[in-house]
Amino acid sequence: MAPIHDRMPVILQPADFDVWLDPQNHDSESLRSLMHPCAAELMTAYPVSPAINRSSVDGPTCIEWFGNSAEN
């Protein structure tokens, strides 16, 4: 992520979804333990439309490849 942004988002593993979303779980330490950087090999970066920056734009077009070719 460093070439794109100076902060790394938390990306939860599917196995952790239920624990993270459980409204009865108030154990901040157990929740904090789920927050660690996602492995680089699990992520793919590619250009998307600048329209992603407009709050009025929503839907699958926000994540479609933007540019002349998939080799950008």
C-alpha atoms as a PDB file:
ATOM      1  CA  MET A   1       0.000   0.000   0.000  1.00  0.00           C
ATOM      2  CA  ALA A   2       2.885   2.405   0.644  1.00  0.00           C
ATOM      3  CA  PRO A   3       3.192   3.559  -2.997  1.00  0.00           C
ATOM      4  CA  ILE A   4      -0.544   4.379  -3.006  1.00  0.00           C
ATOM      5  CA  HIS A   5      -1.246   5.731   0.477  1.00  0.00           C
ATOM      6  CA  ASP A   6       0.524   6.226   3.804  1.00  0.00           C
ATOM      7  CA  ARG A   7      -2.158   4.402   5.786  1.00  0.00           C
ATOM      8  CA  MET A   8      -3.133   0.752   5.601  1.00  0.00           C
ATOM      9  CA  PRO A   9      -6.825  -0.096   5.957  1.00  0.00           C
ATOM     10  CA  VAL A  10      -7.943  -2.945   8.157  1.00  0.00           C
ATOM     11  CA  ILE A  11      -9.057  -5.818   5.961  1.00  0.00           C
ATOM     12  CA  LEU A  12     -10.700  -8.540   7.996  1.00  0.00           C
ATOM     13  CA  GLN A  13     -10.485 -12.199   7.087  1.00  0.00           C
ATOM     14  CA  PRO A  14     -13.903 -13.796   6.452  1.00  0.00           C
ATOM     15  CA  ALA A  15     -13.390 -16.047   9.491  1.00  0.00           C
ATOM     16  CA  ASP A  16     -13.314 -12.897  11.670  1.00  0.00           C
ATOM     17  CA  PHE A  17     -16.509 -11.254  10.354  1.00  0.00           C
ATOM     18  CA  ASP A  18     -18.845 -12.661  13.004  1.00  0.00           C
ATOM     19  CA  VAL A  19     -16.595 -11.622  15.893  1.00  0.00           C
ATOM     20  CA  TRP A  20     -16.115  -8.117  14.452  1.00  0.00           C
ATOM     21  CA  LEU A  21     -19.822  -7.561  13.797  1.00  0.00           C
ATOM     22  CA  ASP A  22     -21.150  -9.076  17.030  1.00  0.00           C
ATOM     23  CA  PRO A  23     -22.941  -6.192  18.807  1.00  0.00           C
ATOM     24  CA  GLN A  24     -22.620  -8.053  22.126  1.00  0.00           C
ATOM     25  CA  ASN A  25     -18.817  -8.185  21.904  1.00  0.00           C
ATOM     26  CA  HIS A  26     -17.466  -5.302  23.972  1.00  0.00           C
ATOM     27  CA  ASP A  27     -14.020  -6.849  24.442  1.00  0.00           C
ATOM     28  CA  SER A  28     -11.920  -4.179  22.774  1.00  0.00           C
ATOM     29  CA  GLU A  29      -8.730  -6.207  23.143  1.00  0.00           C
ATOM     30  CA  SER A  30     -10.159  -9.178  21.224  1.00  0.00           C
ATOM     31  CA  LEU A  31     -11.380  -6.793  18.514  1.00  0.00           C
ATOM     32  CA  ARG A  32      -8.061  -4.960  18.402  1.00  0.00           C
ATOM     33  CA  SER A  33      -6.287  -8.296  17.878  1.00  0.00           C
ATOM     34  CA  LEU A  34      -8.137  -8.642  14.553  1.00  0.00           C
ATOM     35  CA  MET A  35      -6.652  -5.388  13.268  1.00  0.00           C
ATOM     36  CA  HIS A  36      -3.408  -6.151  11.508  1.00  0.00           C
ATOM     37  CA  PRO A  37      -2.114  -5.407   8.004  1.00  0.00           C
ATOM     38  CA  CYS A  38      -3.443  -7.566   5.227  1.00  0.00           C
ATOM     39  CA  ALA A  39      -0.827  -9.705   3.487  1.00  0.00           C
ATOM     40  CA  ALA A  40       0.355  -8.026   0.285  1.00  0.00           C
ATOM     41  CA  GLU A  41      -0.206 -11.168  -1.778  1.00  0.00           C
ATOM     42  CA  LEU A  42      -3.932 -10.998  -0.971  1.00  0.00           C
ATOM     43  CA  MET A  43      -4.300  -7.525  -2.530  1.00  0.00           C
ATOM     44  CA  THR A  44      -4.263  -6.242  -6.099  1.00  0.00           C
ATOM     45  CA  ALA A  45      -3.943  -2.595  -7.049  1.00  0.00           C
ATOM     46  CA  TYR A  46      -5.272  -1.251 -10.344  1.00  0.00           C
ATOM     47  CA  PRO A  47      -6.454   2.122 -11.649  1.00  0.00           C
ATOM     48  CA  VAL A  48     -10.116   3.052 -11.230  1.00  0.00           C
ATOM     49  CA  SER A  49     -12.073   6.029 -12.521  1.00  0.00           C
ATOM     50  CA  PRO A  50     -11.556   9.387 -10.814  1.00  0.00           C
ATOM     51  CA  ALA A  51     -15.344   9.348 -10.392  1.00  0.00           C
ATOM     52  CA  ILE A  52     -14.714   7.237  -7.280  1.00  0.00           C
ATOM     53  CA  ASN A  53     -14.023  10.537  -5.494  1.00  0.00           C
ATOM     54  CA  ARG A  54     -17.582  11.803  -6.026  1.00  0.00           C
ATOM     55  CA  SER A  55     -20.083  10.804  -3.349  1.00  0.00           C
ATOM     56  CA  SER A  56     -22.859  10.722  -5.960  1.00  0.00           C
ATOM     57  CA  VAL A  57     -21.167   7.845  -7.798  1.00  0.00           C
ATOM     58  CA  ASP A  58     -21.962   4.352  -6.560  1.00  0.00           C
ATOM     59  CA  GLY A  59     -22.089   0.867  -7.977  1.00  0.00           C
ATOM     60  CA  PRO A  60     -19.849  -1.575  -9.806  1.00  0.00           C
ATOM     61  CA  THR A  61     -18.401   1.096 -12.104  1.00  0.00           C
ATOM     62  CA  CYS A  62     -16.408   2.320  -9.087  1.00  0.00           C
ATOM     63  CA  ILE A  63     -14.224  -0.792  -9.150  1.00  0.00           C
ATOM     64  CA  GLU A  64     -13.923  -1.361 -12.906  1.00  0.00           C
ATOM     65  CA  TRP A  65     -10.473  -1.132 -14.489  1.00  0.00           C
ATOM     66  CA  PHE A  66      -9.892   2.409 -15.807  1.00  0.00           C
ATOM     67  CA  GLY A  67      -7.477   3.087 -18.623  1.00  0.00           C
ATOM     68  CA  ASN A  68      -6.375   1.758 -21.973  1.00  0.00           C
ATOM     69  CA  SER A  69      -5.259  -1.719 -21.000  1.00  0.00           C
ATOM     70  CA  ALA A  70      -4.843  -4.136 -18.120  1.00  0.00           C
ATOM     71  CA  GLU A  71      -1.077  -3.637 -18.452  1.00  0.00           C
ATOM     72  CA  ASN A  72      -1.069  -0.076 -17.032  1.00  0.00           C
END
